[in-house]
Amino acid sequence: MLSDLQVRAVDGDTIRVGGERIRLRGIDTPEMTELQGPAAKQRLEELLRSGPIRIEPHGRDVYNRLLADVFVNERNVAEVLSLEGYEKPQS
């Protein structure tokens, strides 16, 4: 488990733990320059502050970011963001 002091949101689907960028697996939120991008980041920050954080790594993406399932209070953060409407529509 990690404390919220160690974890920061980069955008709506990426966090930073120390020097490591971690991409949330299973969701693609709008970029910071797109509509809803800043709101998705803000919601992710709220979730990260709401309880104990657990990270389950699943390899790396093409940008060498760690892909992971991230849980807060044992709730999958990507699923919460998706259910709350922060997922980017598929084109």
PDB file of N, CA and C in Angstrom:
ATOM      1  N   MET A   1       0.839  -1.177   0.000  1.00  0.00           N
ATOM      2  CA  MET A   1       0.000   0.000   0.000  1.00  0.00           C
ATOM      3  C   MET A   1       0.887   1.245   0.000  1.00  0.00           C
ATOM      4  N   LEU A   2       0.414   2.259  -0.714  1.00  0.00           N
ATOM      5  CA  LEU A   2       1.152   3.513  -0.811  1.00  0.00           C
ATOM      6  C   LEU A   2       0.358   4.622  -0.146  1.00  0.00           C
ATOM      7  N   SER A   3       1.054   5.614   0.369  1.00  0.00           N
ATOM      8  CA  SER A   3       0.350   6.775   0.908  1.00  0.00           C
ATOM      9  C   SER A   3       0.094   7.762  -0.221  1.00  0.00           C
ATOM     10  N   ASP A   4      -0.925   8.606  -0.036  1.00  0.00           N
ATOM     11  CA  ASP A   4      -1.251   9.581  -1.078  1.00  0.00           C
ATOM     12  C   ASP A   4      -0.134  10.598  -1.271  1.00  0.00           C
ATOM     13  N   LEU A   5       0.772  10.745  -0.304  1.00  0.00           N
ATOM     14  CA  LEU A   5       1.877  11.687  -0.441  1.00  0.00           C
ATOM     15  C   LEU A   5       2.874  11.229  -1.500  1.00  0.00           C
ATOM     16  N   GLN A   6       2.893   9.955  -1.813  1.00  0.00           N
ATOM     17  CA  GLN A   6       3.838   9.415  -2.780  1.00  0.00           C
ATOM     18  C   GLN A   6       3.278   9.401  -4.201  1.00  0.00           C
ATOM     19  N   VAL A   7       1.981   9.611  -4.369  1.00  0.00           N
ATOM     20  CA  VAL A   7       1.315   9.407  -5.652  1.00  0.00           C
ATOM     21  C   VAL A   7       0.694  10.713  -6.131  1.00  0.00           C
ATOM     22  N   ARG A   8       0.929  11.054  -7.413  1.00  0.00           N
ATOM     23  CA  ARG A   8       0.372  12.270  -8.006  1.00  0.00           C
ATOM     24  C   ARG A   8      -0.232  11.950  -9.364  1.00  0.00           C
ATOM     25  N   ALA A   9      -1.337  12.620  -9.700  1.00  0.00           N
ATOM     26  CA  ALA A   9      -1.943  12.485 -11.025  1.00  0.00           C
ATOM     27  C   ALA A   9      -1.173  13.348 -12.016  1.00  0.00           C
ATOM     28  N   VAL A  10      -0.835  12.780 -13.167  1.00  0.00           N
ATOM     29  CA  VAL A  10      -0.209  13.520 -14.265  1.00  0.00           C
ATOM     30  C   VAL A  10      -1.314  14.059 -15.168  1.00  0.00           C
ATOM     31  N   ASP A  11      -2.288  13.203 -15.452  1.00  0.00           N
ATOM     32  CA  ASP A  11      -3.493  13.559 -16.198  1.00  0.00           C
ATOM     33  C   ASP A  11      -4.576  12.589 -15.739  1.00  0.00           C
ATOM     34  N   GLY A  12      -5.628  12.414 -16.512  1.00  0.00           N
ATOM     35  CA  GLY A  12      -6.729  11.579 -16.066  1.00  0.00           C
ATOM     36  C   GLY A  12      -6.474  10.089 -16.071  1.00  0.00           C
ATOM     37  N   ASP A  13      -5.409   9.639 -16.766  1.00  0.00           N
ATOM     38  CA  ASP A  13      -5.149   8.198 -16.827  1.00  0.00           C
ATOM     39  C   ASP A  13      -3.689   7.832 -16.583  1.00  0.00           C
ATOM     40  N   THR A  14      -2.927   8.760 -16.025  1.00  0.00           N
ATOM     41  CA  THR A  14      -1.516   8.506 -15.707  1.00  0.00           C
ATOM     42  C   THR A  14      -1.207   9.086 -14.332  1.00  0.00           C
ATOM     43  N   ILE A  15      -0.474   8.316 -13.528  1.00  0.00           N
ATOM     44  CA  ILE A  15      -0.028   8.804 -12.232  1.00  0.00           C
ATOM     45  C   ILE A  15       1.494   8.728 -12.176  1.00  0.00           C
ATOM     46  N   ARG A  16       2.051   9.403 -11.194  1.00  0.00           N
ATOM     47  CA  ARG A  16       3.489   9.339 -10.947  1.00  0.00           C
ATOM     48  C   ARG A  16       3.697   8.894  -9.506  1.00  0.00           C
ATOM     49  N   VAL A  17       4.528   7.874  -9.360  1.00  0.00           N
ATOM     50  CA  VAL A  17       4.930   7.395  -8.039  1.00  0.00           C
ATOM     51  C   VAL A  17       6.436   7.554  -7.994  1.00  0.00           C
ATOM     52  N   GLY A  18       6.915   8.531  -7.223  1.00  0.00           N
ATOM     53  CA  GLY A  18       8.335   8.849  -7.268  1.00  0.00           C
ATOM     54  C   GLY A  18       8.681   9.283  -8.682  1.00  0.00           C
ATOM     55  N   GLY A  19       9.668   8.657  -9.298  1.00  0.00           N
ATOM     56  CA  GLY A  19      10.054   8.973 -10.667  1.00  0.00           C
ATOM     57  C   GLY A  19       9.377   8.116 -11.720  1.00  0.00           C
ATOM     58  N   GLU A  20       8.509   7.214 -11.310  1.00  0.00           N
ATOM     59  CA  GLU A  20       7.878   6.253 -12.237  1.00  0.00           C
ATOM     60  C   GLU A  20       6.514   6.754 -12.697  1.00  0.00           C
ATOM     61  N   ARG A  21       6.340   6.828 -14.031  1.00  0.00           N
ATOM     62  CA  ARG A  21       5.026   7.148 -14.597  1.00  0.00           C
ATOM     63  C   ARG A  21       4.266   5.841 -14.794  1.00  0.00           C
ATOM     64  N   ILE A  22       3.034   5.825 -14.329  1.00  0.00           N
ATOM     65  CA  ILE A  22       2.204   4.624 -14.389  1.00  0.00           C
ATOM     66  C   ILE A  22       0.915   4.953 -15.124  1.00  0.00           C
ATOM     67  N   ARG A  23       0.649   4.196 -16.181  1.00  0.00           N
ATOM     68  CA  ARG A  23      -0.553   4.380 -17.002  1.00  0.00           C
ATOM     69  C   ARG A  23      -1.631   3.452 -16.487  1.00  0.00           C
ATOM     70  N   LEU A  24      -2.815   4.018 -16.186  1.00  0.00           N
ATOM     71  CA  LEU A  24      -3.931   3.193 -15.733  1.00  0.00           C
ATOM     72  C   LEU A  24      -4.351   2.262 -16.856  1.00  0.00           C
ATOM     73  N   ARG A  25      -4.479   1.000 -16.536  1.00  0.00           N
ATOM     74  CA  ARG A  25      -4.872   0.001 -17.519  1.00  0.00           C
ATOM     75  C   ARG A  25      -6.389   0.010 -17.665  1.00  0.00           C
ATOM     76  N   GLY A  26      -6.865  -0.027 -18.915  1.00  0.00           N
ATOM     77  CA  GLY A  26      -8.289  -0.185 -19.156  1.00  0.00           C
ATOM     78  C   GLY A  26      -9.074   1.090 -19.340  1.00  0.00           C
ATOM     79  N   ILE A  27      -8.395   2.235 -19.408  1.00  0.00           N
ATOM     80  CA  ILE A  27      -9.119   3.485 -19.640  1.00  0.00           C
ATOM     81  C   ILE A  27      -8.243   4.462 -20.407  1.00  0.00           C
ATOM     82  N   ASP A  28      -8.891   5.264 -21.242  1.00  0.00           N
ATOM     83  CA  ASP A  28      -8.234   6.359 -21.953  1.00  0.00           C
ATOM     84  C   ASP A  28      -9.092   7.591 -21.718  1.00  0.00           C
ATOM     85  N   THR A  29      -8.574   8.538 -20.935  1.00  0.00           N
ATOM     86  CA  THR A  29      -9.320   9.762 -20.654  1.00  0.00           C
ATOM     87  C   THR A  29      -8.881  10.857 -21.625  1.00  0.00           C
ATOM     88  N   PRO A  30      -9.667  11.929 -21.752  1.00  0.00           N
ATOM     89  CA  PRO A  30      -9.262  13.035 -22.622  1.00  0.00           C
ATOM     90  C   PRO A  30      -7.919  13.624 -22.181  1.00  0.00           C
ATOM     91  N   GLU A  31      -7.165  14.112 -23.163  1.00  0.00           N
ATOM     92  CA  GLU A  31      -5.888  14.768 -22.864  1.00  0.00           C
ATOM     93  C   GLU A  31      -6.158  16.081 -22.139  1.00  0.00           C
ATOM     94  N   MET A  32      -5.142  16.631 -21.491  1.00  0.00           N
ATOM     95  CA  MET A  32      -5.306  17.858 -20.722  1.00  0.00           C
ATOM     96  C   MET A  32      -5.756  19.032 -21.592  1.00  0.00           C
ATOM     97  N   THR A  33      -5.449  19.001 -22.881  1.00  0.00           N
ATOM     98  CA  THR A  33      -5.842  20.080 -23.791  1.00  0.00           C
ATOM     99  C   THR A  33      -7.240  19.883 -24.365  1.00  0.00           C
ATOM    100  N   GLU A  34      -7.872  18.742 -24.051  1.00  0.00           N
ATOM    101  CA  GLU A  34      -9.202  18.435 -24.568  1.00  0.00           C
ATOM    102  C   GLU A  34     -10.265  18.709 -23.503  1.00  0.00           C
ATOM    103  N   LEU A  35     -11.499  18.886 -23.976  1.00  0.00           N
ATOM    104  CA  LEU A  35     -12.625  19.058 -23.075  1.00  0.00           C
ATOM    105  C   LEU A  35     -12.670  17.870 -22.112  1.00  0.00           C
ATOM    106  N   GLN A  36     -12.882  18.116 -20.864  1.00  0.00           N
ATOM    107  CA  GLN A  36     -12.955  17.115 -19.802  1.00  0.00           C
ATOM    108  C   GLN A  36     -11.594  16.587 -19.343  1.00  0.00           C
ATOM    109  N   GLY A  37     -10.500  16.935 -20.026  1.00  0.00           N
ATOM    110  CA  GLY A  37      -9.178  16.483 -19.587  1.00  0.00           C
ATOM    111  C   GLY A  37      -8.829  16.955 -18.184  1.00  0.00           C
ATOM    112  N   PRO A  38      -8.914  18.275 -17.920  1.00  0.00           N
ATOM    113  CA  PRO A  38      -8.620  18.754 -16.564  1.00  0.00           C
ATOM    114  C   PRO A  38      -9.572  18.187 -15.507  1.00  0.00           C
ATOM    115  N   ALA A  39     -10.836  18.001 -15.862  1.00  0.00           N
ATOM    116  CA  ALA A  39     -11.801  17.433 -14.909  1.00  0.00           C
ATOM    117  C   ALA A  39     -11.451  15.984 -14.581  1.00  0.00           C
ATOM    118  N   ALA A  40     -11.006  15.219 -15.578  1.00  0.00           N
ATOM    119  CA  ALA A  40     -10.606  13.826 -15.348  1.00  0.00           C
ATOM    120  C   ALA A  40      -9.399  13.772 -14.411  1.00  0.00           C
ATOM    121  N   LYS A  41      -8.434  14.667 -14.616  1.00  0.00           N
ATOM    122  CA  LYS A  41      -7.262  14.710 -13.731  1.00  0.00           C
ATOM    123  C   LYS A  41      -7.681  15.069 -12.312  1.00  0.00           C
ATOM    124  N   GLN A  42      -8.554  16.053 -12.178  1.00  0.00           N
ATOM    125  CA  GLN A  42      -9.014  16.461 -10.854  1.00  0.00           C
ATOM    126  C   GLN A  42      -9.723  15.312 -10.143  1.00  0.00           C
ATOM    127  N   ARG A  43     -10.560  14.578 -10.872  1.00  0.00           N
ATOM    128  CA  ARG A  43     -11.264  13.450 -10.256  1.00  0.00           C
ATOM    129  C   ARG A  43     -10.286  12.358  -9.838  1.00  0.00           C
ATOM    130  N   LEU A  44      -9.276  12.091 -10.689  1.00  0.00           N
ATOM    131  CA  LEU A  44      -8.261  11.101 -10.334  1.00  0.00           C
ATOM    132  C   LEU A  44      -7.527  11.529  -9.065  1.00  0.00           C
ATOM    133  N   GLU A  45      -7.178  12.817  -8.962  1.00  0.00           N
ATOM    134  CA  GLU A  45      -6.511  13.316  -7.757  1.00  0.00           C
ATOM    135  C   GLU A  45      -7.381  13.098  -6.521  1.00  0.00           C
ATOM    136  N   GLU A  46      -8.693  13.366  -6.654  1.00  0.00           N
ATOM    137  CA  GLU A  46      -9.613  13.147  -5.530  1.00  0.00           C
ATOM    138  C   GLU A  46      -9.619  11.678  -5.114  1.00  0.00           C
ATOM    139  N   LEU A  47      -9.695  10.797  -6.099  1.00  0.00           N
ATOM    140  CA  LEU A  47      -9.698   9.366  -5.796  1.00  0.00           C
ATOM    141  C   LEU A  47      -8.412   8.947  -5.094  1.00  0.00           C
ATOM    142  N   LEU A  48      -7.269   9.445  -5.570  1.00  0.00           N
ATOM    143  CA  LEU A  48      -5.982   9.068  -4.983  1.00  0.00           C
ATOM    144  C   LEU A  48      -5.858   9.509  -3.529  1.00  0.00           C
ATOM    145  N   ARG A  49      -6.556  10.590  -3.164  1.00  0.00           N
ATOM    146  CA  ARG A  49      -6.509  11.093  -1.784  1.00  0.00           C
ATOM    147  C   ARG A  49      -7.534  10.416  -0.877  1.00  0.00           C
ATOM    148  N   SER A  50      -8.384   9.560  -1.443  1.00  0.00           N
ATOM    149  CA  SER A  50      -9.529   9.064  -0.678  1.00  0.00           C
ATOM    150  C   SER A  50      -9.269   7.791   0.133  1.00  0.00           C
ATOM    151  N   GLY A  51      -8.091   7.203   0.012  1.00  0.00           N
ATOM    152  CA  GLY A  51      -7.831   6.000   0.793  1.00  0.00           C
ATOM    153  C   GLY A  51      -6.546   5.310   0.398  1.00  0.00           C
ATOM    154  N   PRO A  52      -6.329   4.121   0.962  1.00  0.00           N
ATOM    155  CA  PRO A  52      -5.123   3.349   0.649  1.00  0.00           C
ATOM    156  C   PRO A  52      -5.056   2.993  -0.836  1.00  0.00           C
ATOM    157  N   ILE A  53      -3.855   3.061  -1.392  1.00  0.00           N
ATOM    158  CA  ILE A  53      -3.623   2.818  -2.821  1.00  0.00           C
ATOM    159  C   ILE A  53      -2.848   1.522  -2.987  1.00  0.00           C
ATOM    160  N   ARG A  54      -3.323   0.704  -3.925  1.00  0.00           N
ATOM    161  CA  ARG A  54      -2.615  -0.540  -4.275  1.00  0.00           C
ATOM    162  C   ARG A  54      -2.428  -0.552  -5.785  1.00  0.00           C
ATOM    163  N   ILE A  55      -1.227  -0.935  -6.229  1.00  0.00           N
ATOM    164  CA  ILE A  55      -0.892  -0.957  -7.654  1.00  0.00           C
ATOM    165  C   ILE A  55      -0.512  -2.372  -8.063  1.00  0.00           C
ATOM    166  N   GLU A  56      -1.179  -2.877  -9.114  1.00  0.00           N
ATOM    167  CA  GLU A  56      -0.863  -4.196  -9.682  1.00  0.00           C
ATOM    168  C   GLU A  56      -0.279  -3.991 -11.077  1.00  0.00           C
ATOM    169  N   PRO A  57       1.038  -4.138 -11.242  1.00  0.00           N
ATOM    170  CA  PRO A  57       1.684  -3.922 -12.543  1.00  0.00           C
ATOM    171  C   PRO A  57       1.308  -4.992 -13.568  1.00  0.00           C
ATOM    172  N   HIS A  58       1.278  -4.567 -14.850  1.00  0.00           N
ATOM    173  CA  HIS A  58       0.963  -5.472 -15.961  1.00  0.00           C
ATOM    174  C   HIS A  58       1.845  -5.165 -17.174  1.00  0.00           C
ATOM    175  N   GLY A  59       3.138  -4.981 -16.975  1.00  0.00           N
ATOM    176  CA  GLY A  59       4.039  -4.731 -18.096  1.00  0.00           C
ATOM    177  C   GLY A  59       4.185  -3.252 -18.411  1.00  0.00           C
ATOM    178  N   ARG A  60       4.677  -2.977 -19.625  1.00  0.00           N
ATOM    179  CA  ARG A  60       4.935  -1.591 -20.049  1.00  0.00           C
ATOM    180  C   ARG A  60       4.259  -1.315 -21.377  1.00  0.00           C
ATOM    181  N   ASP A  61       3.937  -0.028 -21.606  1.00  0.00           N
ATOM    182  CA  ASP A  61       3.329   0.356 -22.881  1.00  0.00           C
ATOM    183  C   ASP A  61       4.415   0.788 -23.863  1.00  0.00           C
ATOM    184  N   VAL A  62       4.009   1.265 -25.039  1.00  0.00           N
ATOM    185  CA  VAL A  62       4.975   1.643 -26.083  1.00  0.00           C
ATOM    186  C   VAL A  62       5.813   2.854 -25.684  1.00  0.00           C
ATOM    187  N   TYR A  63       5.366   3.619 -24.683  1.00  0.00           N
ATOM    188  CA  TYR A  63       6.125   4.778 -24.197  1.00  0.00           C
ATOM    189  C   TYR A  63       6.952   4.423 -22.958  1.00  0.00           C
ATOM    190  N   ASN A  64       7.051   3.124 -22.656  1.00  0.00           N
ATOM    191  CA  ASN A  64       7.799   2.585 -21.522  1.00  0.00           C
ATOM    192  C   ASN A  64       7.206   2.972 -20.167  1.00  0.00           C
ATOM    193  N   ARG A  65       5.930   3.372 -20.172  1.00  0.00           N
ATOM    194  CA  ARG A  65       5.257   3.610 -18.898  1.00  0.00           C
ATOM    195  C   ARG A  65       4.793   2.262 -18.353  1.00  0.00           C
ATOM    196  N   LEU A  66       4.845   2.123 -17.052  1.00  0.00           N
ATOM    197  CA  LEU A  66       4.307   0.932 -16.416  1.00  0.00           C
ATOM    198  C   LEU A  66       2.792   0.935 -16.597  1.00  0.00           C
ATOM    199  N   LEU A  67       2.238  -0.177 -17.081  1.00  0.00           N
ATOM    200  CA  LEU A  67       0.783  -0.350 -17.164  1.00  0.00           C
ATOM    201  C   LEU A  67       0.338  -1.040 -15.891  1.00  0.00           C
ATOM    202  N   ALA A  68      -0.714  -0.534 -15.270  1.00  0.00           N
ATOM    203  CA  ALA A  68      -1.117  -1.127 -13.997  1.00  0.00           C
ATOM    204  C   ALA A  68      -2.593  -0.924 -13.716  1.00  0.00           C
ATOM    205  N   ASP A  69      -3.124  -1.852 -12.935  1.00  0.00           N
ATOM    206  CA  ASP A  69      -4.426  -1.652 -12.313  1.00  0.00           C
ATOM    207  C   ASP A  69      -4.138  -0.931 -11.006  1.00  0.00           C
ATOM    208  N   VAL A  70      -4.843   0.171 -10.778  1.00  0.00           N
ATOM    209  CA  VAL A  70      -4.649   0.964  -9.566  1.00  0.00           C
ATOM    210  C   VAL A  70      -5.948   0.918  -8.770  1.00  0.00           C
ATOM    211  N   PHE A  71      -5.814   0.585  -7.507  1.00  0.00           N
ATOM    212  CA  PHE A  71      -6.976   0.463  -6.628  1.00  0.00           C
ATOM    213  C   PHE A  71      -6.861   1.455  -5.482  1.00  0.00           C
ATOM    214  N   VAL A  72      -7.970   2.099  -5.148  1.00  0.00           N
ATOM    215  CA  VAL A  72      -8.067   2.940  -3.960  1.00  0.00           C
ATOM    216  C   VAL A  72      -9.243   2.406  -3.158  1.00  0.00           C
ATOM    217  N   ASN A  73      -8.994   2.112  -1.898  1.00  0.00           N
ATOM    218  CA  ASN A  73     -10.028   1.460  -1.075  1.00  0.00           C
ATOM    219  C   ASN A  73     -10.546   0.198  -1.761  1.00  0.00           C
ATOM    220  N   GLU A  74      -9.649  -0.504  -2.441  1.00  0.00           N
ATOM    221  CA  GLU A  74      -9.948  -1.754  -3.160  1.00  0.00           C
ATOM    222  C   GLU A  74     -10.926  -1.565  -4.323  1.00  0.00           C
ATOM    223  N   ARG A  75     -11.112  -0.323  -4.774  1.00  0.00           N
ATOM    224  CA  ARG A  75     -11.923  -0.048  -5.968  1.00  0.00           C
ATOM    225  C   ARG A  75     -10.979   0.263  -7.124  1.00  0.00           C
ATOM    226  N   ASN A  76     -11.220  -0.350  -8.279  1.00  0.00           N
ATOM    227  CA  ASN A  76     -10.392  -0.114  -9.456  1.00  0.00           C
ATOM    228  C   ASN A  76     -10.655   1.306  -9.957  1.00  0.00           C
ATOM    229  N   VAL A  77      -9.628   2.140  -9.938  1.00  0.00           N
ATOM    230  CA  VAL A  77      -9.757   3.553 -10.286  1.00  0.00           C
ATOM    231  C   VAL A  77     -10.208   3.732 -11.736  1.00  0.00           C
ATOM    232  N   ALA A  78      -9.692   2.929 -12.656  1.00  0.00           N
ATOM    233  CA  ALA A  78     -10.098   3.035 -14.062  1.00  0.00           C
ATOM    234  C   ALA A  78     -11.591   2.754 -14.214  1.00  0.00           C
ATOM    235  N   GLU A  79     -12.090   1.764 -13.502  1.00  0.00           N
ATOM    236  CA  GLU A  79     -13.517   1.444 -13.565  1.00  0.00           C
ATOM    237  C   GLU A  79     -14.362   2.581 -12.999  1.00  0.00           C
ATOM    238  N   VAL A  80     -13.915   3.171 -11.897  1.00  0.00           N
ATOM    239  CA  VAL A  80     -14.645   4.295 -11.301  1.00  0.00           C
ATOM    240  C   VAL A  80     -14.701   5.454 -12.289  1.00  0.00           C
ATOM    241  N   LEU A  81     -13.554   5.810 -12.876  1.00  0.00           N
ATOM    242  CA  LEU A  81     -13.520   6.915 -13.835  1.00  0.00           C
ATOM    243  C   LEU A  81     -14.424   6.636 -15.031  1.00  0.00           C
ATOM    244  N   SER A  82     -14.412   5.414 -15.516  1.00  0.00           N
ATOM    245  CA  SER A  82     -15.253   5.037 -16.651  1.00  0.00           C
ATOM    246  C   SER A  82     -16.735   5.156 -16.295  1.00  0.00           C
ATOM    247  N   LEU A  83     -17.118   4.609 -15.151  1.00  0.00           N
ATOM    248  CA  LEU A  83     -18.518   4.667 -14.718  1.00  0.00           C
ATOM    249  C   LEU A  83     -18.991   6.099 -14.498  1.00  0.00           C
ATOM    250  N   GLU A  84     -18.070   6.982 -14.125  1.00  0.00           N
ATOM    251  CA  GLU A  84     -18.425   8.380 -13.888  1.00  0.00           C
ATOM    252  C   GLU A  84     -18.368   9.223 -15.160  1.00  0.00           C
ATOM    253  N   GLY A  85     -18.055   8.595 -16.307  1.00  0.00           N
ATOM    254  CA  GLY A  85     -18.121   9.297 -17.584  1.00  0.00           C
ATOM    255  C   GLY A  85     -16.862  10.002 -18.036  1.00  0.00           C
ATOM    256  N   TYR A  86     -15.713   9.664 -17.460  1.00  0.00           N
ATOM    257  CA  TYR A  86     -14.465  10.328 -17.838  1.00  0.00           C
ATOM    258  C   TYR A  86     -13.710   9.623 -18.954  1.00  0.00           C
ATOM    259  N   GLU A  87     -14.198   8.502 -19.434  1.00  0.00           N
ATOM    260  CA  GLU A  87     -13.509   7.765 -20.498  1.00  0.00           C
ATOM    261  C   GLU A  87     -13.714   8.459 -21.836  1.00  0.00           C
ATOM    262  N   LYS A  88     -12.631   8.541 -22.616  1.00  0.00           N
ATOM    263  CA  LYS A  88     -12.697   9.144 -23.949  1.00  0.00           C
ATOM    264  C   LYS A  88     -13.510   8.230 -24.863  1.00  0.00           C
ATOM    265  N   PRO A  89     -14.454   8.790 -25.619  1.00  0.00           N
ATOM    266  CA  PRO A  89     -15.223   7.953 -26.555  1.00  0.00           C
ATOM    267  C   PRO A  89     -14.304   7.287 -27.576  1.00  0.00           C
ATOM    268  N   GLN A  90     -14.606   6.046 -27.914  1.00  0.00           N
ATOM    269  CA  GLN A  90     -13.823   5.322 -28.921  1.00  0.00           C
ATOM    270  C   GLN A  90     -14.195   5.838 -30.305  1.00  0.00           C
ATOM    271  N   SER A  91     -13.176   6.067 -31.139  1.00  0.00           N
ATOM    272  CA  SER A  91     -13.464   6.569 -32.495  1.00  0.00           C
ATOM    273  C   SER A  91     -13.437   5.454 -33.511  1.00  0.00           C
TER     274      SER A  91
END
